Amino acid sequence: MFRPPVAFAATVAVLVTAFPAAAADAPPKALRTMVYQIAYSTATLRHEQTSGFTSTPQGTMGSVAGSGAVDRRFTTDQPGSVTFAVIAATADGGLVVDSSYDGRDVSHPPVRVAIFKTGGLSFDPRTPLGPAEIGLLPYLSRGFIADRTVAPGETWTTQQLQPTSGATTYRITHVENERATLQIDGSITLSGPAGYDEHQLGTAVYATDVLAPVSLDLYAHIHRQLNSDEADTTDAHLVATLVRDSFAKH
């Protein structure tokens, strides 16, 4: 089974609750269905210190042939489509969504996800929810742009949820009818043995009337220290385009 490297899972705080790992065999009728075409790719450089000896420049200590470090490169490319079926809207501004993925190399049936008004996600971590879905789902939150002033130059910042730190700033660069173009600049840090540092840059076109992104183009640069001798640096790229929405106006 495809297991993604460090990627857009770092974009949100994932809160574990009692939602089932997957939707029931006969899920309730969807209140809304959205389908996004997805392109998701990663390039990872793994730097490994293989010994305590490294090359030194010629000088008072002479020169040492060879190197005590090895770099390895890994890439992934996962095109596909994701379907979000909204099955409930809660009184506190949340959504309950069944997310399914149909990709070139990997697919999975509906996985139940709670999207909080703040953009946080809650799902069973044992489910096969992928990084592309985790990167896109927070933009469906009912509190993302609702009740904000939608005009060029307007900005707002959201703080990362514990145990992570950092913030993401959104700036509206253009508005045309019910479409707002946003610039995204975010950072996130998790301390500790499984820690990482991530920086995000991207753009989105957002439908302010139906509260959903029409498109999202997001880059992430992630550094993770695996242990004292190994470190991963990953560049991830997510492109999502809305191709069907049952709320779309005709």
C-alpha atoms as a PDB file:
ATOM      1  CA  MET A   1       0.000   0.000   0.000  1.00  0.00           C
ATOM      2  CA  PHE A   2       1.251   3.458  -0.871  1.00  0.00           C
ATOM      3  CA  ARG A   3       2.405   5.309   2.218  1.00  0.00           C
ATOM      4  CA  PRO A   4       3.219   8.963   1.494  1.00  0.00           C
ATOM      5  CA  PRO A   5       6.377  10.591   2.832  1.00  0.00           C
ATOM      6  CA  VAL A   6       6.269  13.683   4.999  1.00  0.00           C
ATOM      7  CA  ALA A   7       3.853  15.962   3.186  1.00  0.00           C
ATOM      8  CA  PHE A   8       0.596  17.816   3.671  1.00  0.00           C
ATOM      9  CA  ALA A   9      -0.281  15.910   6.841  1.00  0.00           C
ATOM     10  CA  ALA A  10       1.769  18.636   8.439  1.00  0.00           C
ATOM     11  CA  THR A  11      -0.664  21.325   7.285  1.00  0.00           C
ATOM     12  CA  VAL A  12      -3.306  20.637   9.928  1.00  0.00           C
ATOM     13  CA  ALA A  13      -3.602  19.339  13.466  1.00  0.00           C
ATOM     14  CA  VAL A  14      -5.308  15.950  13.249  1.00  0.00           C
ATOM     15  CA  LEU A  15      -7.566  15.350  16.244  1.00  0.00           C
ATOM     16  CA  VAL A  16      -8.623  11.771  16.930  1.00  0.00           C
ATOM     17  CA  THR A  17     -12.248  11.199  17.902  1.00  0.00           C
ATOM     18  CA  ALA A  18     -14.765   8.401  17.769  1.00  0.00           C
ATOM     19  CA  PHE A  19     -15.695   8.842  14.099  1.00  0.00           C
ATOM     20  CA  PRO A  20     -15.579   5.456  12.354  1.00  0.00           C
ATOM     21  CA  ALA A  21     -12.628   4.615  10.145  1.00  0.00           C
ATOM     22  CA  ALA A  22     -14.813   4.411   7.060  1.00  0.00           C
ATOM     23  CA  ALA A  23     -18.326   5.310   6.104  1.00  0.00           C
ATOM     24  CA  ALA A  24     -21.020   2.757   6.741  1.00  0.00           C
ATOM     25  CA  ASP A  25     -22.018   0.312   4.004  1.00  0.00           C
ATOM     26  CA  ALA A  26     -25.166   2.352   3.393  1.00  0.00           C
ATOM     27  CA  PRO A  27     -24.108   5.961   4.088  1.00  0.00           C
ATOM     28  CA  PRO A  28     -26.738   8.672   4.458  1.00  0.00           C
ATOM     29  CA  LYS A  29     -27.659  10.670   1.401  1.00  0.00           C
ATOM     30  CA  ALA A  30     -25.096  13.383   0.734  1.00  0.00           C
ATOM     31  CA  LEU A  31     -26.123  17.005   1.291  1.00  0.00           C
ATOM     32  CA  ARG A  32     -23.468  18.023  -1.212  1.00  0.00           C
ATOM     33  CA  THR A  33     -20.957  16.240  -3.449  1.00  0.00           C
ATOM     34  CA  MET A  34     -17.716  17.721  -4.782  1.00  0.00           C
ATOM     35  CA  VAL A  35     -15.181  16.094  -7.082  1.00  0.00           C
ATOM     36  CA  TYR A  36     -11.641  17.449  -7.471  1.00  0.00           C
ATOM     37  CA  GLN A  37      -9.035  16.456 -10.025  1.00  0.00           C
ATOM     38  CA  ILE A  38      -5.771  15.984  -8.137  1.00  0.00           C
ATOM     39  CA  ALA A  39      -2.087  16.120  -9.053  1.00  0.00           C
ATOM     40  CA  TYR A  40       0.204  15.360  -6.118  1.00  0.00           C
ATOM     41  CA  SER A  41       3.953  14.833  -6.305  1.00  0.00           C
ATOM     42  CA  THR A  42       6.910  14.759  -3.931  1.00  0.00           C
ATOM     43  CA  ALA A  43      10.693  14.793  -4.240  1.00  0.00           C
ATOM     44  CA  THR A  44      12.648  13.747  -1.155  1.00  0.00           C
ATOM     45  CA  LEU A  45      16.363  14.028  -0.508  1.00  0.00           C
ATOM     46  CA  ARG A  46      17.600  11.782   2.313  1.00  0.00           C
ATOM     47  CA  HIS A  47      20.966  12.822   3.727  1.00  0.00           C
ATOM     48  CA  GLU A  48      22.746  10.121   5.711  1.00  0.00           C
ATOM     49  CA  GLN A  49      25.966  10.593   7.648  1.00  0.00           C
ATOM     50  CA  THR A  50      27.624   7.198   7.178  1.00  0.00           C
ATOM     51  CA  SER A  51      30.755   7.784   9.264  1.00  0.00           C
ATOM     52  CA  GLY A  52      32.561  10.378  11.309  1.00  0.00           C
ATOM     53  CA  PHE A  53      35.054  10.976   8.511  1.00  0.00           C
ATOM     54  CA  THR A  54      34.366  13.598   5.866  1.00  0.00           C
ATOM     55  CA  SER A  55      36.476  15.130   3.157  1.00  0.00           C
ATOM     56  CA  THR A  56      38.559  18.134   4.214  1.00  0.00           C
ATOM     57  CA  PRO A  57      40.046  20.765   1.927  1.00  0.00           C
ATOM     58  CA  GLN A  58      43.731  20.580   1.170  1.00  0.00           C
ATOM     59  CA  GLY A  59      45.667  22.507   3.804  1.00  0.00           C
ATOM     60  CA  THR A  60      47.429  21.937   7.086  1.00  0.00           C
ATOM     61  CA  MET A  61      45.584  18.617   7.539  1.00  0.00           C
ATOM     62  CA  GLY A  62      45.960  17.551   3.915  1.00  0.00           C
ATOM     63  CA  SER A  63      42.998  16.012   2.106  1.00  0.00           C
ATOM     64  CA  VAL A  64      40.917  12.904   2.762  1.00  0.00           C
ATOM     65  CA  ALA A  65      39.529  10.978  -0.199  1.00  0.00           C
ATOM     66  CA  GLY A  66      35.897   9.970  -0.198  1.00  0.00           C
ATOM     67  CA  SER A  67      33.005  11.217   1.874  1.00  0.00           C
ATOM     68  CA  GLY A  68      31.254  10.216   5.077  1.00  0.00           C
ATOM     69  CA  ALA A  69      27.821  11.163   3.762  1.00  0.00           C
ATOM     70  CA  VAL A  70      25.380   9.640   1.283  1.00  0.00           C
ATOM     71  CA  ASP A  71      22.431  11.375  -0.394  1.00  0.00           C
ATOM     72  CA  ARG A  72      19.497   9.382  -1.743  1.00  0.00           C
ATOM     73  CA  ARG A  73      16.575  10.726  -3.756  1.00  0.00           C
ATOM     74  CA  PHE A  74      12.970   9.465  -3.841  1.00  0.00           C
ATOM     75  CA  THR A  75      10.075  10.749  -5.935  1.00  0.00           C
ATOM     76  CA  THR A  76       6.339  10.060  -6.091  1.00  0.00           C
ATOM     77  CA  ASP A  77       3.690  11.156  -8.566  1.00  0.00           C
ATOM     78  CA  GLN A  78       0.062  10.423  -7.712  1.00  0.00           C
ATOM     79  CA  PRO A  79      -2.579  11.819 -10.100  1.00  0.00           C
ATOM     80  CA  GLY A  80      -6.215  11.004  -9.397  1.00  0.00           C
ATOM     81  CA  SER A  81      -9.514  12.392  -8.228  1.00  0.00           C
ATOM     82  CA  VAL A  82     -11.044  12.854  -4.807  1.00  0.00           C
ATOM     83  CA  THR A  83     -14.754  12.894  -3.976  1.00  0.00           C
ATOM     84  CA  PHE A  84     -16.064  14.703  -0.907  1.00  0.00           C
ATOM     85  CA  ALA A  85     -19.616  13.809   0.128  1.00  0.00           C
ATOM     86  CA  VAL A  86     -20.907  16.157   2.832  1.00  0.00           C
ATOM     87  CA  ILE A  87     -23.263  14.148   5.011  1.00  0.00           C
ATOM     88  CA  ALA A  88     -23.853  16.524   7.927  1.00  0.00           C
ATOM     89  CA  ALA A  89     -23.439  20.157   8.992  1.00  0.00           C
ATOM     90  CA  THR A  90     -23.188  20.607  12.748  1.00  0.00           C
ATOM     91  CA  ALA A  91     -24.588  23.430  14.860  1.00  0.00           C
ATOM     92  CA  ASP A  92     -21.081  24.555  15.893  1.00  0.00           C
ATOM     93  CA  GLY A  93     -20.047  25.234  12.292  1.00  0.00           C
ATOM     94  CA  GLY A  94     -18.466  21.864  11.542  1.00  0.00           C
ATOM     95  CA  LEU A  95     -18.950  19.438   8.670  1.00  0.00           C
ATOM     96  CA  VAL A  96     -18.924  15.660   8.437  1.00  0.00           C
ATOM     97  CA  VAL A  97     -17.536  14.482   5.109  1.00  0.00           C
ATOM     98  CA  ASP A  98     -16.932  11.106   3.467  1.00  0.00           C
ATOM     99  CA  SER A  99     -13.716  11.356   1.451  1.00  0.00           C
ATOM    100  CA  SER A 100     -12.819   8.796  -1.240  1.00  0.00           C
ATOM    101  CA  TYR A 101      -9.856   8.719  -3.595  1.00  0.00           C
ATOM    102  CA  ASP A 102      -9.441   7.206  -7.063  1.00  0.00           C
ATOM    103  CA  GLY A 103      -5.811   7.378  -8.192  1.00  0.00           C
ATOM    104  CA  ARG A 104      -3.537   5.897 -10.795  1.00  0.00           C
ATOM    105  CA  ASP A 105      -1.694   3.688  -8.317  1.00  0.00           C
ATOM    106  CA  VAL A 106      -3.846   3.772  -5.192  1.00  0.00           C
ATOM    107  CA  SER A 107      -7.531   4.188  -4.338  1.00  0.00           C
ATOM    108  CA  HIS A 108      -9.612   3.921  -1.201  1.00  0.00           C
ATOM    109  CA  PRO A 109     -13.314   3.807  -0.280  1.00  0.00           C
ATOM    110  CA  PRO A 110     -15.022   6.600   1.692  1.00  0.00           C
ATOM    111  CA  VAL A 111     -13.322   7.651   4.919  1.00  0.00           C
ATOM    112  CA  ARG A 112     -15.319   9.662   7.442  1.00  0.00           C
ATOM    113  CA  VAL A 113     -13.771  13.007   8.421  1.00  0.00           C
ATOM    114  CA  ALA A 114     -14.949  15.767  10.742  1.00  0.00           C
ATOM    115  CA  ILE A 115     -13.935  19.270   9.617  1.00  0.00           C
ATOM    116  CA  PHE A 116     -14.058  21.795  12.438  1.00  0.00           C
ATOM    117  CA  LYS A 117     -14.953  25.428  11.834  1.00  0.00           C
ATOM    118  CA  THR A 118     -11.322  26.324  12.584  1.00  0.00           C
ATOM    119  CA  GLY A 119     -10.099  24.005   9.790  1.00  0.00           C
ATOM    120  CA  GLY A 120      -8.896  21.211  12.085  1.00  0.00           C
ATOM    121  CA  LEU A 121      -9.602  17.640  11.011  1.00  0.00           C
ATOM    122  CA  SER A 122     -10.650  14.585  12.961  1.00  0.00           C
ATOM    123  CA  PHE A 123     -10.468  11.057  11.568  1.00  0.00           C
ATOM    124  CA  ASP A 124      -9.252   7.621  12.536  1.00  0.00           C
ATOM    125  CA  PRO A 125      -5.461   7.645  11.861  1.00  0.00           C
ATOM    126  CA  ARG A 126      -5.641   3.976  10.810  1.00  0.00           C
ATOM    127  CA  THR A 127      -7.590   4.944   7.689  1.00  0.00           C
ATOM    128  CA  PRO A 128      -5.880   5.391   4.282  1.00  0.00           C
ATOM    129  CA  LEU A 129      -6.639   9.099   4.007  1.00  0.00           C
ATOM    130  CA  GLY A 130      -3.904  10.541   1.781  1.00  0.00           C
ATOM    131  CA  PRO A 131      -1.850  13.754   1.985  1.00  0.00           C
ATOM    132  CA  ALA A 132      -3.658  15.346  -0.965  1.00  0.00           C
ATOM    133  CA  GLU A 133      -6.983  14.978   0.836  1.00  0.00           C
ATOM    134  CA  ILE A 134      -5.511  16.220   4.114  1.00  0.00           C
ATOM    135  CA  GLY A 135      -4.133  19.230   2.278  1.00  0.00           C
ATOM    136  CA  LEU A 136      -7.452  20.110   0.628  1.00  0.00           C
ATOM    137  CA  LEU A 137     -10.063  19.284   3.285  1.00  0.00           C
ATOM    138  CA  PRO A 138      -9.344  22.255   5.629  1.00  0.00           C
ATOM    139  CA  TYR A 139     -10.317  24.660   2.840  1.00  0.00           C
ATOM    140  CA  LEU A 140     -13.865  23.290   3.044  1.00  0.00           C
ATOM    141  CA  SER A 141     -14.256  24.479   6.632  1.00  0.00           C
ATOM    142  CA  ARG A 142     -17.251  26.738   7.112  1.00  0.00           C
ATOM    143  CA  GLY A 143     -15.129  29.247   9.027  1.00  0.00           C
ATOM    144  CA  PHE A 144     -12.398  29.626   6.416  1.00  0.00           C
ATOM    145  CA  ILE A 145     -13.681  32.804   4.755  1.00  0.00           C
ATOM    146  CA  ALA A 146     -17.222  33.258   6.052  1.00  0.00           C
ATOM    147  CA  ASP A 147     -17.761  36.490   8.020  1.00  0.00           C
ATOM    148  CA  ARG A 148     -14.522  37.966   6.635  1.00  0.00           C
ATOM    149  CA  THR A 149     -14.230  41.067   4.477  1.00  0.00           C
ATOM    150  CA  VAL A 150     -13.659  39.853   0.914  1.00  0.00           C
ATOM    151  CA  ALA A 151     -11.743  42.588  -0.902  1.00  0.00           C
ATOM    152  CA  PRO A 152      -8.298  42.933  -2.528  1.00  0.00           C
ATOM    153  CA  GLY A 153      -5.618  43.542   0.079  1.00  0.00           C
ATOM    154  CA  GLU A 154      -7.519  41.949   2.972  1.00  0.00           C
ATOM    155  CA  THR A 155      -5.445  39.507   5.041  1.00  0.00           C
ATOM    156  CA  TRP A 156      -5.949  37.182   7.972  1.00  0.00           C
ATOM    157  CA  THR A 157      -3.761  34.787   9.911  1.00  0.00           C
ATOM    158  CA  THR A 158      -4.598  31.467  11.546  1.00  0.00           C
ATOM    159  CA  GLN A 159      -2.460  29.874  14.235  1.00  0.00           C
ATOM    160  CA  GLN A 160      -1.474  26.219  14.122  1.00  0.00           C
ATOM    161  CA  LEU A 161      -3.090  23.997  16.710  1.00  0.00           C
ATOM    162  CA  GLN A 162      -1.079  22.348  19.480  1.00  0.00           C
ATOM    163  CA  PRO A 163       1.182  20.418  19.642  1.00  0.00           C
ATOM    164  CA  THR A 164       2.460  22.265  16.561  1.00  0.00           C
ATOM    165  CA  SER A 165       3.400  25.930  16.343  1.00  0.00           C
ATOM    166  CA  GLY A 166       3.413  28.438  13.515  1.00  0.00           C
ATOM    167  CA  ALA A 167       0.821  30.301  11.487  1.00  0.00           C
ATOM    168  CA  THR A 168      -0.614  30.674   7.988  1.00  0.00           C
ATOM    169  CA  THR A 169      -1.393  34.039   6.414  1.00  0.00           C
ATOM    170  CA  TYR A 170      -3.947  34.442   3.623  1.00  0.00           C
ATOM    171  CA  ARG A 171      -4.090  37.559   1.439  1.00  0.00           C
ATOM    172  CA  ILE A 172      -6.814  38.348  -1.077  1.00  0.00           C
ATOM    173  CA  THR A 173      -5.216  39.579  -4.299  1.00  0.00           C
ATOM    174  CA  HIS A 174      -8.198  39.715  -6.656  1.00  0.00           C
ATOM    175  CA  VAL A 175     -11.988  39.489  -6.500  1.00  0.00           C
ATOM    176  CA  GLU A 176     -14.316  38.922  -9.435  1.00  0.00           C
ATOM    177  CA  ASN A 177     -17.979  38.341  -8.651  1.00  0.00           C
ATOM    178  CA  GLU A 178     -18.053  35.379  -6.229  1.00  0.00           C
ATOM    179  CA  ARG A 179     -14.450  34.299  -6.896  1.00  0.00           C
ATOM    180  CA  ALA A 180     -11.607  35.459  -4.658  1.00  0.00           C
ATOM    181  CA  THR A 181      -7.952  34.757  -5.439  1.00  0.00           C
ATOM    182  CA  LEU A 182      -5.798  34.150  -2.362  1.00  0.00           C
ATOM    183  CA  GLN A 183      -2.089  33.982  -1.671  1.00  0.00           C
ATOM    184  CA  ILE A 184      -1.045  31.478   1.003  1.00  0.00           C
ATOM    185  CA  ASP A 185       2.105  31.679   3.148  1.00  0.00           C
ATOM    186  CA  GLY A 186       2.399  29.324   6.085  1.00  0.00           C
ATOM    187  CA  SER A 187       4.834  27.673   8.456  1.00  0.00           C
ATOM    188  CA  ILE A 188       4.499  24.856  10.916  1.00  0.00           C
ATOM    189  CA  THR A 189       6.898  23.330  13.425  1.00  0.00           C
ATOM    190  CA  LEU A 190       6.588  20.229  15.559  1.00  0.00           C
ATOM    191  CA  SER A 191       9.257  19.740  18.211  1.00  0.00           C
ATOM    192  CA  GLY A 192      10.458  16.429  19.561  1.00  0.00           C
ATOM    193  CA  PRO A 193      11.769  13.123  18.179  1.00  0.00           C
ATOM    194  CA  ALA A 194       9.149  13.045  15.387  1.00  0.00           C
ATOM    195  CA  GLY A 195       9.459  16.752  14.713  1.00  0.00           C
ATOM    196  CA  TYR A 196       9.619  18.635  11.437  1.00  0.00           C
ATOM    197  CA  ASP A 197       9.688  22.129   9.989  1.00  0.00           C
ATOM    198  CA  GLU A 198       7.459  23.012   7.042  1.00  0.00           C
ATOM    199  CA  HIS A 199       6.953  26.096   4.908  1.00  0.00           C
ATOM    200  CA  GLN A 200       4.037  26.462   2.489  1.00  0.00           C
ATOM    201  CA  LEU A 201       3.472  28.829  -0.427  1.00  0.00           C
ATOM    202  CA  GLY A 202       0.521  28.751  -2.772  1.00  0.00           C
ATOM    203  CA  THR A 203      -2.526  30.271  -4.374  1.00  0.00           C
ATOM    204  CA  ALA A 204      -6.210  29.413  -4.342  1.00  0.00           C
ATOM    205  CA  VAL A 205      -9.310  30.561  -6.155  1.00  0.00           C
ATOM    206  CA  TYR A 206     -12.196  30.410  -3.696  1.00  0.00           C
ATOM    207  CA  ALA A 207     -15.939  30.425  -4.354  1.00  0.00           C
ATOM    208  CA  THR A 208     -17.238  32.761  -1.665  1.00  0.00           C
ATOM    209  CA  ASP A 209     -20.895  31.994  -2.389  1.00  0.00           C
ATOM    210  CA  VAL A 210     -20.670  28.225  -1.832  1.00  0.00           C
ATOM    211  CA  LEU A 211     -17.621  28.198   0.498  1.00  0.00           C
ATOM    212  CA  ALA A 212     -15.292  25.907  -1.412  1.00  0.00           C
ATOM    213  CA  PRO A 213     -12.020  26.235  -3.325  1.00  0.00           C
ATOM    214  CA  VAL A 214     -12.352  26.149  -7.102  1.00  0.00           C
ATOM    215  CA  SER A 215      -8.626  25.523  -7.416  1.00  0.00           C
ATOM    216  CA  LEU A 216      -5.624  25.127  -5.123  1.00  0.00           C
ATOM    217  CA  ASP A 217      -1.929  25.187  -6.047  1.00  0.00           C
ATOM    218  CA  LEU A 218       0.213  24.575  -2.978  1.00  0.00           C
ATOM    219  CA  TYR A 219       3.931  23.909  -2.492  1.00  0.00           C
ATOM    220  CA  ALA A 220       5.413  22.649   0.757  1.00  0.00           C
ATOM    221  CA  HIS A 221       9.083  22.408   1.763  1.00  0.00           C
ATOM    222  CA  ILE A 222       9.545  20.055   4.712  1.00  0.00           C
ATOM    223  CA  HIS A 223      12.640  19.166   6.743  1.00  0.00           C
ATOM    224  CA  ARG A 224      12.547  16.233   9.120  1.00  0.00           C
ATOM    225  CA  GLN A 225      15.459  15.027  11.255  1.00  0.00           C
ATOM    226  CA  LEU A 226      14.950  11.257  11.385  1.00  0.00           C
ATOM    227  CA  ASN A 227      17.793  10.603  13.827  1.00  0.00           C
ATOM    228  CA  SER A 228      21.272  11.930  14.578  1.00  0.00           C
ATOM    229  CA  ASP A 229      22.592  10.624  11.249  1.00  0.00           C
ATOM    230  CA  GLU A 230      19.637  10.907   8.837  1.00  0.00           C
ATOM    231  CA  ALA A 231      17.501  13.815   7.654  1.00  0.00           C
ATOM    232  CA  ASP A 232      14.823  14.117   4.959  1.00  0.00           C
ATOM    233  CA  THR A 233      14.100  17.242   2.922  1.00  0.00           C
ATOM    234  CA  THR A 234      10.876  16.961   0.926  1.00  0.00           C
ATOM    235  CA  ASP A 235       9.344  19.255  -1.667  1.00  0.00           C
ATOM    236  CA  ALA A 236       5.651  18.480  -2.177  1.00  0.00           C
ATOM    237  CA  HIS A 237       3.289  19.959  -4.746  1.00  0.00           C
ATOM    238  CA  LEU A 238      -0.495  19.701  -4.659  1.00  0.00           C
ATOM    239  CA  VAL A 239      -2.738  20.933  -7.480  1.00  0.00           C
ATOM    240  CA  ALA A 240      -6.506  20.486  -7.074  1.00  0.00           C
ATOM    241  CA  THR A 241      -9.223  21.601  -9.490  1.00  0.00           C
ATOM    242  CA  LEU A 242     -12.949  21.400  -8.827  1.00  0.00           C
ATOM    243  CA  VAL A 243     -14.618  19.508 -11.701  1.00  0.00           C
ATOM    244  CA  ARG A 244     -18.063  18.833 -10.212  1.00  0.00           C
ATOM    245  CA  ASP A 245     -20.098  20.408  -7.422  1.00  0.00           C
ATOM    246  CA  SER A 246     -23.740  19.631  -6.703  1.00  0.00           C
ATOM    247  CA  PHE A 247     -24.051  23.194  -5.338  1.00  0.00           C
ATOM    248  CA  ALA A 248     -22.749  24.766  -8.542  1.00  0.00           C
ATOM    249  CA  LYS A 249     -24.961  27.391 -10.121  1.00  0.00           C
ATOM    250  CA  HIS A 250     -25.954  26.718 -13.719  1.00  0.00           C
END
